[in-house]
């Protein structure tokens, strides 16, 4: 029976290969930590402000939604016949009310323009009686949900205000805000 005994010089060569493999593995792990993980952590740090802004927007939405739900439950369904018609002399108070409502809902009103527009149908209509239609044109910068809350408060308030026309376009400077041209309609007593 012949037993082969490995040569000791070959074992040393195998241990050198093992050390070389271990050194290459350590280098690969170091390169991964130094470059790839560092770059990934850098991207995560850059996402933190965006995540914080989104969390802030979600909180603002939840607050607006709860206020809108509370307002709707308090007011119930709007009844046009229960709305107040304002006198012509109170038109400035109505404009101030609209402005205050906008400010309280984080809406920037850049222009307000009331226009008395007498139309032939409305002038001859016996239902129009002693009322003159007044259109109020507003140029607004607002977030989408803030705009919805603003319109809801105006239309469901105690004064008769209805949205006649609404045009929305994205703000060029801030993608979270919209440029809005809003035309409101109300009636004033003659």
N, C-alpha and C. Protein backbone atom coordinates (compact mmCIF):
# COMPACT_ATOMS: atom_id res chain seq x y z
N UNK A 1 0.81 -1.15 0.00
CA UNK A 1 0.00 0.00 0.00
C UNK A 1 0.88 1.23 0.00
N UNK A 2 0.54 2.07 -0.94
CA UNK A 2 1.36 3.25 -1.14
C UNK A 2 0.54 4.49 -0.79
N UNK A 3 0.98 5.24 0.17
CA UNK A 3 0.27 6.45 0.60
C UNK A 3 1.06 7.64 0.09
N UNK A 4 0.31 8.54 -0.60
CA UNK A 4 0.97 9.75 -1.10
C UNK A 4 0.88 10.84 -0.05
N UNK A 5 1.99 11.34 0.31
CA UNK A 5 2.06 12.43 1.27
C UNK A 5 2.30 13.71 0.48
N UNK A 6 1.45 14.74 0.70
CA UNK A 6 1.62 15.98 -0.07
C UNK A 6 2.93 16.66 0.29
N UNK A 7 3.43 17.32 -0.70
CA UNK A 7 4.69 18.03 -0.53
C UNK A 7 4.44 19.31 0.25
N UNK A 8 5.30 19.61 1.20
CA UNK A 8 5.14 20.78 2.07
C UNK A 8 5.27 22.07 1.26
N UNK A 9 6.07 22.13 0.26
CA UNK A 9 6.25 23.35 -0.53
C UNK A 9 4.95 23.72 -1.27
N UNK A 10 4.18 22.71 -1.65
CA UNK A 10 2.90 22.98 -2.31
C UNK A 10 1.88 23.54 -1.31
N UNK A 11 1.92 23.12 -0.06
CA UNK A 11 1.02 23.66 0.97
C UNK A 11 1.28 25.14 1.20
N UNK A 12 2.55 25.53 1.17
CA UNK A 12 2.87 26.95 1.35
C UNK A 12 2.32 27.76 0.18
N UNK A 13 2.39 27.20 -0.99
CA UNK A 13 1.86 27.89 -2.15
C UNK A 13 0.34 28.04 -2.02
N UNK A 14 -0.35 27.04 -1.51
CA UNK A 14 -1.77 27.13 -1.31
C UNK A 14 -2.12 28.16 -0.23
N UNK A 15 -1.35 28.27 0.80
CA UNK A 15 -1.62 29.28 1.83
C UNK A 15 -1.39 30.69 1.28
N UNK A 16 -0.44 30.86 0.34
CA UNK A 16 -0.24 32.17 -0.29
C UNK A 16 -1.47 32.54 -1.14
N UNK A 17 -2.03 31.54 -1.81
CA UNK A 17 -3.24 31.80 -2.60
C UNK A 17 -4.40 32.19 -1.70
N UNK A 18 -4.50 31.53 -0.57
CA UNK A 18 -5.58 31.84 0.38
C UNK A 18 -5.43 33.26 0.92
N UNK A 19 -4.21 33.63 1.25
CA UNK A 19 -3.96 35.00 1.75
C UNK A 19 -4.28 36.01 0.65
N UNK A 20 -3.88 35.71 -0.60
CA UNK A 20 -4.16 36.61 -1.72
C UNK A 20 -5.67 36.76 -1.92
N UNK A 21 -6.40 35.65 -1.86
CA UNK A 21 -7.86 35.70 -2.00
C UNK A 21 -8.49 36.52 -0.87
N UNK A 22 -7.99 36.33 0.35
CA UNK A 22 -8.50 37.10 1.48
C UNK A 22 -8.23 38.58 1.30
N UNK A 23 -7.02 38.95 0.82
CA UNK A 23 -6.70 40.36 0.59
C UNK A 23 -7.59 40.97 -0.50
N UNK A 24 -7.84 40.23 -1.58
CA UNK A 24 -8.71 40.72 -2.64
C UNK A 24 -10.14 40.91 -2.11
N UNK A 25 -10.61 39.98 -1.28
CA UNK A 25 -11.95 40.11 -0.69
C UNK A 25 -12.03 41.33 0.21
N UNK A 26 -11.00 41.57 1.02
CA UNK A 26 -10.98 42.75 1.89
C UNK A 26 -10.97 44.02 1.05
N UNK A 27 -10.21 44.05 -0.04
CA UNK A 27 -10.17 45.22 -0.91
C UNK A 27 -11.53 45.48 -1.56
N UNK A 28 -12.22 44.42 -2.00
CA UNK A 28 -13.54 44.57 -2.62
C UNK A 28 -14.53 45.11 -1.60
N UNK A 29 -14.49 44.60 -0.38
CA UNK A 29 -15.39 45.10 0.67
C UNK A 29 -15.08 46.55 0.99
N UNK A 30 -13.80 46.92 1.06
CA UNK A 30 -13.41 48.31 1.33
C UNK A 30 -13.89 49.22 0.19
N UNK A 31 -13.68 48.81 -1.07
CA UNK A 31 -14.10 49.62 -2.22
C UNK A 31 -15.61 49.81 -2.22
N UNK A 32 -16.35 48.76 -1.89
CA UNK A 32 -17.80 48.85 -1.82
C UNK A 32 -18.24 49.86 -0.77
N UNK A 33 -17.64 49.78 0.40
CA UNK A 33 -17.99 50.71 1.49
C UNK A 33 -17.56 52.13 1.16
N UNK A 34 -16.36 52.27 0.58
CA UNK A 34 -15.81 53.60 0.34
C UNK A 34 -16.52 54.34 -0.79
N UNK A 35 -16.95 53.63 -1.81
CA UNK A 35 -17.50 54.31 -2.98
C UNK A 35 -19.01 54.11 -3.14
N UNK A 36 -19.46 52.90 -3.22
CA UNK A 36 -20.87 52.65 -3.52
C UNK A 36 -21.77 53.02 -2.35
N UNK A 37 -21.47 52.57 -1.17
CA UNK A 37 -22.33 52.88 -0.02
C UNK A 37 -22.27 54.37 0.31
N UNK A 38 -21.09 54.98 0.14
CA UNK A 38 -20.95 56.42 0.40
C UNK A 38 -21.84 57.22 -0.57
N UNK A 39 -21.87 56.82 -1.84
CA UNK A 39 -22.72 57.50 -2.82
C UNK A 39 -24.20 57.30 -2.49
N UNK A 40 -24.57 56.11 -2.07
CA UNK A 40 -25.96 55.85 -1.71
C UNK A 40 -26.37 56.66 -0.49
N UNK A 41 -25.49 56.77 0.49
CA UNK A 41 -25.80 57.59 1.68
C UNK A 41 -25.92 59.06 1.30
N UNK A 42 -25.11 59.52 0.34
CA UNK A 42 -25.21 60.90 -0.14
C UNK A 42 -26.57 61.16 -0.77
N UNK A 43 -27.05 60.24 -1.57
CA UNK A 43 -28.38 60.39 -2.19
C UNK A 43 -29.47 60.38 -1.12
N UNK A 44 -29.32 59.57 -0.10
CA UNK A 44 -30.32 59.55 0.97
C UNK A 44 -30.34 60.88 1.72
N UNK A 45 -29.17 61.47 1.93
CA UNK A 45 -29.11 62.78 2.60
C UNK A 45 -29.80 63.85 1.75
N UNK A 46 -29.66 63.75 0.43
CA UNK A 46 -30.31 64.72 -0.45
C UNK A 46 -31.83 64.55 -0.47
N UNK A 47 -32.32 63.36 -0.16
CA UNK A 47 -33.77 63.12 -0.15
C UNK A 47 -34.43 63.62 1.13
N UNK A 48 -33.68 63.80 2.19
CA UNK A 48 -34.28 64.21 3.47
C UNK A 48 -35.10 65.49 3.36
N UNK A 49 -34.59 66.59 2.74
CA UNK A 49 -35.43 67.80 2.64
C UNK A 49 -36.71 67.56 1.83
N UNK A 50 -36.62 66.75 0.78
CA UNK A 50 -37.81 66.47 -0.03
C UNK A 50 -38.83 65.68 0.78
N UNK A 51 -38.37 64.72 1.55
CA UNK A 51 -39.27 63.93 2.39
C UNK A 51 -39.91 64.83 3.45
N UNK A 52 -39.11 65.73 4.04
CA UNK A 52 -39.66 66.65 5.05
C UNK A 52 -40.72 67.56 4.44
N UNK A 53 -40.48 68.05 3.21
CA UNK A 53 -41.46 68.91 2.54
C UNK A 53 -42.74 68.14 2.25
N UNK A 54 -42.60 66.90 1.78
CA UNK A 54 -43.78 66.08 1.51
C UNK A 54 -44.56 65.79 2.79
N UNK A 55 -43.86 65.54 3.90
CA UNK A 55 -44.55 65.31 5.17
C UNK A 55 -45.29 66.56 5.61
N UNK A 56 -44.68 67.73 5.39
CA UNK A 56 -45.33 69.00 5.73
C UNK A 56 -46.58 69.20 4.88
N UNK A 57 -46.47 68.90 3.58
CA UNK A 57 -47.62 69.03 2.69
C UNK A 57 -48.75 68.06 3.07
N UNK A 58 -48.38 66.86 3.49
CA UNK A 58 -49.39 65.88 3.91
C UNK A 58 -50.09 66.38 5.17
N UNK A 59 -49.33 66.95 6.12
CA UNK A 59 -49.95 67.48 7.33
C UNK A 59 -50.89 68.63 7.00
N UNK A 60 -50.46 69.52 6.06
CA UNK A 60 -51.32 70.65 5.66
C UNK A 60 -52.59 70.13 4.98
N UNK A 61 -52.45 69.12 4.14
CA UNK A 61 -53.62 68.54 3.49
C UNK A 61 -54.57 67.94 4.52
N UNK A 62 -54.03 67.17 5.47
CA UNK A 62 -54.88 66.56 6.49
C UNK A 62 -55.59 67.63 7.32
N UNK A 63 -54.89 68.72 7.62
CA UNK A 63 -55.50 69.81 8.39
C UNK A 63 -56.63 70.45 7.58
N UNK A 64 -56.35 70.74 6.30
CA UNK A 64 -57.38 71.35 5.45
C UNK A 64 -58.56 70.43 5.26
N UNK A 65 -58.28 69.13 5.10
CA UNK A 65 -59.36 68.17 4.90
C UNK A 65 -60.23 68.07 6.15
N UNK A 66 -59.59 68.07 7.34
CA UNK A 66 -60.39 67.98 8.57
C UNK A 66 -61.20 69.26 8.78
N UNK A 67 -60.61 70.42 8.44
CA UNK A 67 -61.36 71.68 8.54
C UNK A 67 -62.54 71.68 7.57
N UNK A 68 -62.31 71.19 6.37
CA UNK A 68 -63.37 71.15 5.38
C UNK A 68 -64.48 70.19 5.83
N UNK A 69 -64.09 69.04 6.39
CA UNK A 69 -65.09 68.09 6.88
C UNK A 69 -65.88 68.69 8.04
N UNK A 70 -65.17 69.37 8.94
CA UNK A 70 -65.83 70.01 10.07
C UNK A 70 -66.78 71.09 9.58
N UNK A 71 -66.33 71.89 8.63
CA UNK A 71 -67.16 72.97 8.10
C UNK A 71 -68.40 72.41 7.43
N UNK A 72 -68.22 71.33 6.66
CA UNK A 72 -69.35 70.74 5.96
C UNK A 72 -70.35 70.14 6.95
N UNK A 73 -69.86 69.52 8.03
CA UNK A 73 -70.78 68.95 9.01
C UNK A 73 -71.51 70.03 9.79
N UNK A 74 -70.86 71.18 10.01
CA UNK A 74 -71.52 72.28 10.72
C UNK A 74 -72.57 72.96 9.84
N UNK A 75 -72.21 73.17 8.59
CA UNK A 75 -73.09 73.93 7.69
C UNK A 75 -74.16 73.08 7.04
N UNK A 76 -73.88 71.81 6.83
CA UNK A 76 -74.84 70.96 6.12
C UNK A 76 -74.84 71.31 4.65
N UNK A 77 -75.88 70.95 3.97
CA UNK A 77 -75.98 71.25 2.55
C UNK A 77 -76.36 72.72 2.36
N UNK A 78 -75.76 73.38 1.37
CA UNK A 78 -76.07 74.78 1.15
C UNK A 78 -77.48 74.97 0.60
N UNK A 79 -78.13 76.00 1.08
CA UNK A 79 -79.47 76.33 0.61
C UNK A 79 -79.41 77.73 0.04
N UNK A 80 -79.65 77.85 -1.26
CA UNK A 80 -79.52 79.14 -1.92
C UNK A 80 -80.54 80.13 -1.37
N UNK A 81 -81.74 79.67 -1.06
CA UNK A 81 -82.76 80.60 -0.59
C UNK A 81 -82.41 81.20 0.77
N UNK A 82 -81.55 80.56 1.55
CA UNK A 82 -81.16 81.08 2.85
C UNK A 82 -79.95 82.01 2.80
N UNK A 83 -79.45 82.29 1.61
CA UNK A 83 -78.28 83.14 1.45
C UNK A 83 -78.66 84.60 1.54
N UNK A 84 -77.72 85.38 2.03
CA UNK A 84 -77.93 86.83 2.13
C UNK A 84 -77.51 87.49 0.83
N UNK A 85 -78.29 88.44 0.39
CA UNK A 85 -77.91 89.27 -0.73
C UNK A 85 -77.41 90.58 -0.14
N UNK A 86 -76.31 91.06 -0.64
CA UNK A 86 -75.72 92.26 -0.05
C UNK A 86 -76.22 93.52 -0.77
N UNK A 87 -76.12 94.61 -0.06
CA UNK A 87 -76.45 95.90 -0.66
C UNK A 87 -75.27 96.37 -1.49
N UNK A 88 -75.54 97.24 -2.44
CA UNK A 88 -74.48 97.75 -3.31
C UNK A 88 -73.40 98.47 -2.50
N UNK A 89 -73.78 99.09 -1.41
CA UNK A 89 -72.82 99.81 -0.58
C UNK A 89 -71.91 98.85 0.21
N UNK A 90 -72.32 97.59 0.34
CA UNK A 90 -71.53 96.60 1.09
C UNK A 90 -70.60 95.79 0.21
N UNK A 91 -70.44 96.20 -1.04
CA UNK A 91 -69.58 95.46 -1.96
C UNK A 91 -68.13 95.46 -1.49
N UNK A 92 -67.66 96.55 -0.94
CA UNK A 92 -66.27 96.60 -0.43
C UNK A 92 -66.09 95.64 0.75
N UNK A 93 -67.13 95.51 1.59
CA UNK A 93 -67.05 94.55 2.70
C UNK A 93 -66.97 93.11 2.17
N UNK A 94 -67.70 92.84 1.08
CA UNK A 94 -67.65 91.51 0.47
C UNK A 94 -66.25 91.23 -0.08
N UNK A 95 -65.66 92.22 -0.73
CA UNK A 95 -64.30 92.05 -1.26
C UNK A 95 -63.30 91.82 -0.12
N UNK A 96 -63.49 92.51 0.98
CA UNK A 96 -62.62 92.31 2.15
C UNK A 96 -62.82 90.92 2.73
N UNK A 97 -64.06 90.45 2.78
CA UNK A 97 -64.36 89.10 3.25
C UNK A 97 -63.66 88.05 2.38
N UNK A 98 -63.71 88.24 1.07
CA UNK A 98 -63.06 87.32 0.14
C UNK A 98 -61.54 87.33 0.37
N UNK A 99 -60.99 88.51 0.54
CA UNK A 99 -59.55 88.64 0.77
C UNK A 99 -59.14 87.98 2.09
N UNK A 100 -59.89 88.21 3.15
CA UNK A 100 -59.58 87.60 4.45
C UNK A 100 -59.71 86.08 4.39
N UNK A 101 -60.71 85.59 3.69
CA UNK A 101 -60.87 84.14 3.53
C UNK A 101 -59.68 83.56 2.77
N UNK A 102 -59.23 84.25 1.75
CA UNK A 102 -58.06 83.80 1.00
C UNK A 102 -56.81 83.77 1.86
N UNK A 103 -56.59 84.83 2.63
CA UNK A 103 -55.42 84.90 3.50
C UNK A 103 -55.43 83.80 4.54
N UNK A 104 -56.59 83.50 5.09
CA UNK A 104 -56.67 82.47 6.13
C UNK A 104 -56.48 81.07 5.55
N UNK A 105 -56.56 80.92 4.23
CA UNK A 105 -56.37 79.61 3.59
C UNK A 105 -55.08 79.54 2.79
N UNK A 106 -54.12 80.43 3.10
CA UNK A 106 -52.80 80.42 2.47
C UNK A 106 -52.90 80.61 0.95
N UNK A 107 -53.73 81.58 0.56
CA UNK A 107 -53.93 81.89 -0.85
C UNK A 107 -53.48 83.33 -1.08
N UNK A 108 -52.69 83.52 -2.13
CA UNK A 108 -52.22 84.88 -2.46
C UNK A 108 -53.07 85.41 -3.60
N UNK A 109 -53.86 86.43 -3.30
CA UNK A 109 -54.71 87.06 -4.30
C UNK A 109 -53.91 88.21 -4.89
N UNK A 110 -53.61 88.12 -6.19
CA UNK A 110 -52.77 89.16 -6.80
C UNK A 110 -53.60 90.27 -7.43
N UNK A 111 -54.85 89.98 -7.79
CA UNK A 111 -55.69 91.02 -8.38
C UNK A 111 -57.16 90.71 -8.11
N UNK A 112 -57.91 91.75 -7.75
CA UNK A 112 -59.35 91.65 -7.55
C UNK A 112 -59.99 92.73 -8.41
N UNK A 113 -60.97 92.32 -9.22
CA UNK A 113 -61.61 93.30 -10.10
C UNK A 113 -63.10 93.03 -10.15
N UNK A 114 -63.92 93.83 -9.42
CA UNK A 114 -65.37 93.66 -9.54
C UNK A 114 -65.87 94.29 -10.84
N UNK A 115 -66.81 93.60 -11.50
CA UNK A 115 -67.34 94.09 -12.78
C UNK A 115 -68.85 93.97 -12.72
N UNK A 116 -69.53 95.08 -12.94
CA UNK A 116 -70.99 95.04 -13.04
C UNK A 116 -71.30 94.84 -14.51
N UNK A 117 -71.91 93.74 -14.81
CA UNK A 117 -72.19 93.41 -16.19
C UNK A 117 -73.68 93.14 -16.31
N UNK A 118 -74.38 94.03 -16.95
CA UNK A 118 -75.81 93.85 -17.12
C UNK A 118 -76.03 93.11 -18.43
N UNK A 119 -76.68 91.98 -18.34
CA UNK A 119 -77.00 91.19 -19.52
C UNK A 119 -78.49 91.34 -19.81
N UNK A 120 -78.84 91.26 -21.06
CA UNK A 120 -80.23 91.50 -21.47
C UNK A 120 -81.19 90.52 -20.81
N UNK A 121 -80.86 89.25 -20.77
CA UNK A 121 -81.75 88.26 -20.16
C UNK A 121 -81.97 88.54 -18.68
N UNK A 122 -80.87 88.83 -17.97
CA UNK A 122 -81.00 89.05 -16.53
C UNK A 122 -81.73 90.35 -16.23
N UNK A 123 -81.57 91.34 -17.09
CA UNK A 123 -82.22 92.62 -16.87
C UNK A 123 -83.74 92.49 -17.04
N UNK A 124 -84.20 91.70 -18.02
CA UNK A 124 -85.61 91.55 -18.29
C UNK A 124 -86.27 90.50 -17.41
N UNK A 125 -85.48 89.68 -16.77
CA UNK A 125 -86.03 88.58 -15.99
C UNK A 125 -86.78 89.11 -14.77
N UNK A 126 -88.04 88.69 -14.58
CA UNK A 126 -88.79 89.15 -13.41
C UNK A 126 -88.23 88.57 -12.12
N UNK A 127 -87.54 87.42 -12.21
CA UNK A 127 -86.95 86.82 -11.00
C UNK A 127 -85.78 87.64 -10.50
N UNK A 128 -85.14 88.39 -11.41
CA UNK A 128 -83.99 89.19 -10.99
C UNK A 128 -84.43 90.32 -10.06
N UNK A 129 -85.65 90.82 -10.27
CA UNK A 129 -86.21 91.82 -9.37
C UNK A 129 -85.30 93.01 -9.16
N UNK A 130 -84.97 93.26 -7.88
CA UNK A 130 -84.17 94.42 -7.51
C UNK A 130 -82.68 94.09 -7.39
N UNK A 131 -82.23 93.04 -8.04
CA UNK A 131 -80.84 92.61 -7.89
C UNK A 131 -80.06 92.82 -9.18
N UNK A 132 -78.81 93.25 -9.01
CA UNK A 132 -77.89 93.45 -10.14
C UNK A 132 -76.79 92.40 -10.01
N UNK A 133 -76.50 91.66 -11.07
CA UNK A 133 -75.40 90.70 -10.98
C UNK A 133 -74.05 91.41 -10.97
N UNK A 134 -73.16 90.95 -10.12
CA UNK A 134 -71.81 91.50 -10.04
C UNK A 134 -70.84 90.33 -10.17
N UNK A 135 -69.90 90.48 -11.07
CA UNK A 135 -68.87 89.47 -11.28
C UNK A 135 -67.58 89.98 -10.67
N UNK A 136 -66.90 89.12 -9.94
CA UNK A 136 -65.64 89.49 -9.28
C UNK A 136 -64.56 88.60 -9.87
N UNK A 137 -63.62 89.22 -10.56
CA UNK A 137 -62.52 88.47 -11.18
C UNK A 137 -61.33 88.49 -10.22
N UNK A 138 -60.79 87.30 -9.93
CA UNK A 138 -59.65 87.17 -9.01
C UNK A 138 -58.50 86.46 -9.73
N UNK A 139 -57.31 86.99 -9.58
CA UNK A 139 -56.10 86.28 -10.00
C UNK A 139 -55.44 85.77 -8.73
N UNK A 140 -55.19 84.46 -8.66
CA UNK A 140 -54.79 83.81 -7.42
C UNK A 140 -53.58 82.92 -7.66
N UNK A 141 -52.70 82.85 -6.65
CA UNK A 141 -51.65 81.84 -6.59
C UNK A 141 -51.96 80.98 -5.37
N UNK A 142 -52.16 79.68 -5.60
CA UNK A 142 -52.58 78.83 -4.48
C UNK A 142 -52.22 77.38 -4.74
N UNK A 143 -52.15 76.63 -3.65
CA UNK A 143 -52.05 75.18 -3.75
C UNK A 143 -53.41 74.62 -4.10
N UNK A 144 -53.43 73.46 -4.68
CA UNK A 144 -54.67 72.87 -5.17
C UNK A 144 -55.70 72.67 -4.06
N UNK A 145 -55.28 72.10 -2.95
CA UNK A 145 -56.21 71.82 -1.86
C UNK A 145 -56.65 73.10 -1.15
N UNK A 146 -55.73 74.07 -1.05
CA UNK A 146 -56.10 75.35 -0.44
C UNK A 146 -57.15 76.06 -1.30
N UNK A 147 -57.01 75.96 -2.62
CA UNK A 147 -57.98 76.56 -3.53
C UNK A 147 -59.35 75.92 -3.33
N UNK A 148 -59.39 74.59 -3.22
CA UNK A 148 -60.66 73.89 -3.00
C UNK A 148 -61.33 74.31 -1.70
N UNK A 149 -60.54 74.45 -0.65
CA UNK A 149 -61.09 74.89 0.64
C UNK A 149 -61.63 76.32 0.53
N UNK A 150 -60.87 77.19 -0.15
CA UNK A 150 -61.27 78.59 -0.34
C UNK A 150 -62.61 78.67 -1.08
N UNK A 151 -62.74 77.95 -2.18
CA UNK A 151 -63.99 77.97 -2.96
C UNK A 151 -65.14 77.39 -2.13
N UNK A 152 -64.88 76.33 -1.40
CA UNK A 152 -65.91 75.71 -0.57
C UNK A 152 -66.43 76.69 0.49
N UNK A 153 -65.53 77.40 1.14
CA UNK A 153 -65.94 78.37 2.16
C UNK A 153 -66.77 79.49 1.54
N UNK A 154 -66.33 79.99 0.38
CA UNK A 154 -67.07 81.09 -0.27
C UNK A 154 -68.46 80.65 -0.70
N UNK A 155 -68.56 79.48 -1.33
CA UNK A 155 -69.86 79.05 -1.85
C UNK A 155 -70.80 78.59 -0.74
N UNK A 156 -70.29 78.10 0.36
CA UNK A 156 -71.15 77.61 1.44
C UNK A 156 -71.31 78.62 2.56
N UNK A 157 -70.81 79.83 2.38
CA UNK A 157 -70.95 80.87 3.39
C UNK A 157 -72.35 81.45 3.42
N UNK A 158 -72.56 82.45 4.25
CA UNK A 158 -73.90 83.01 4.41
C UNK A 158 -74.26 84.01 3.31
N UNK A 159 -73.27 84.48 2.54
CA UNK A 159 -73.54 85.40 1.44
C UNK A 159 -73.60 84.60 0.14
N UNK A 160 -74.44 85.05 -0.79
CA UNK A 160 -74.57 84.33 -2.05
C UNK A 160 -73.37 84.64 -2.93
N UNK A 161 -72.51 83.63 -3.11
CA UNK A 161 -71.36 83.72 -4.01
C UNK A 161 -71.29 82.38 -4.75
N UNK A 162 -71.17 82.46 -6.07
CA UNK A 162 -71.07 81.24 -6.88
C UNK A 162 -69.88 81.37 -7.82
N UNK A 163 -69.21 80.27 -8.09
CA UNK A 163 -68.12 80.28 -9.05
C UNK A 163 -68.71 80.29 -10.45
N UNK A 164 -68.39 81.30 -11.21
CA UNK A 164 -68.89 81.45 -12.57
C UNK A 164 -67.91 80.85 -13.57
N UNK A 165 -66.61 81.09 -13.36
CA UNK A 165 -65.59 80.64 -14.30
C UNK A 165 -64.32 80.34 -13.51
N UNK A 166 -63.60 79.30 -13.94
CA UNK A 166 -62.39 78.89 -13.24
C UNK A 166 -61.39 78.39 -14.27
N UNK A 167 -60.20 79.00 -14.28
CA UNK A 167 -59.11 78.55 -15.14
C UNK A 167 -57.87 78.34 -14.29
N UNK A 168 -57.30 77.14 -14.39
CA UNK A 168 -56.15 76.78 -13.57
C UNK A 168 -54.99 76.43 -14.48
N UNK A 169 -53.81 76.99 -14.16
CA UNK A 169 -52.58 76.59 -14.86
C UNK A 169 -51.47 76.49 -13.82
N UNK A 170 -50.46 75.72 -14.15
CA UNK A 170 -49.37 75.49 -13.21
C UNK A 170 -48.49 76.73 -13.10
N UNK A 171 -48.06 77.04 -11.88
CA UNK A 171 -47.14 78.15 -11.65
C UNK A 171 -45.78 77.76 -12.20
N UNK A 172 -45.15 78.66 -12.95
CA UNK A 172 -43.86 78.36 -13.57
C UNK A 172 -42.73 78.24 -12.55
N UNK A 173 -42.88 78.91 -11.41
CA UNK A 173 -41.80 78.92 -10.41
C UNK A 173 -41.93 77.82 -9.37
N UNK A 174 -43.14 77.39 -9.07
CA UNK A 174 -43.35 76.41 -8.01
C UNK A 174 -44.36 75.39 -8.49
N UNK A 175 -43.92 74.15 -8.67
CA UNK A 175 -44.80 73.13 -9.22
C UNK A 175 -45.90 72.71 -8.25
N UNK A 176 -45.83 73.10 -6.99
CA UNK A 176 -46.86 72.75 -6.01
C UNK A 176 -47.97 73.80 -5.94
N UNK A 177 -47.82 74.91 -6.67
CA UNK A 177 -48.83 75.97 -6.66
C UNK A 177 -49.39 76.15 -8.07
N UNK A 178 -50.60 76.68 -8.13
CA UNK A 178 -51.25 76.93 -9.40
C UNK A 178 -51.58 78.41 -9.55
N UNK A 179 -51.57 78.86 -10.80
CA UNK A 179 -52.06 80.20 -11.12
C UNK A 179 -53.52 80.02 -11.50
N UNK A 180 -54.40 80.75 -10.83
CA UNK A 180 -55.83 80.56 -11.01
C UNK A 180 -56.48 81.88 -11.39
N UNK A 181 -57.33 81.83 -12.41
CA UNK A 181 -58.18 82.96 -12.73
C UNK A 181 -59.59 82.52 -12.37
N UNK A 182 -60.15 83.15 -11.37
CA UNK A 182 -61.44 82.74 -10.80
C UNK A 182 -62.43 83.89 -10.95
N UNK A 183 -63.59 83.59 -11.49
CA UNK A 183 -64.65 84.60 -11.60
C UNK A 183 -65.79 84.16 -10.71
N UNK A 184 -66.12 85.02 -9.74
CA UNK A 184 -67.22 84.76 -8.82
C UNK A 184 -68.43 85.60 -9.25
N UNK A 185 -69.61 85.09 -8.96
CA UNK A 185 -70.83 85.81 -9.31
C UNK A 185 -71.63 86.00 -8.02
N UNK A 186 -72.12 87.21 -7.84
CA UNK A 186 -73.01 87.50 -6.72
C UNK A 186 -74.04 88.51 -7.21
N UNK A 187 -75.02 88.76 -6.38
CA UNK A 187 -76.05 89.76 -6.70
C UNK A 187 -76.06 90.80 -5.61
N UNK A 188 -76.24 92.05 -6.01
CA UNK A 188 -76.36 93.15 -5.04
C UNK A 188 -77.74 93.81 -5.23
N UNK A 189 -78.25 94.30 -4.11
CA UNK A 189 -79.54 95.00 -4.16
C UNK A 189 -79.34 96.36 -4.78
N UNK A 190 -80.31 96.74 -5.61
CA UNK A 190 -80.25 98.06 -6.26
C UNK A 190 -80.45 99.16 -5.26
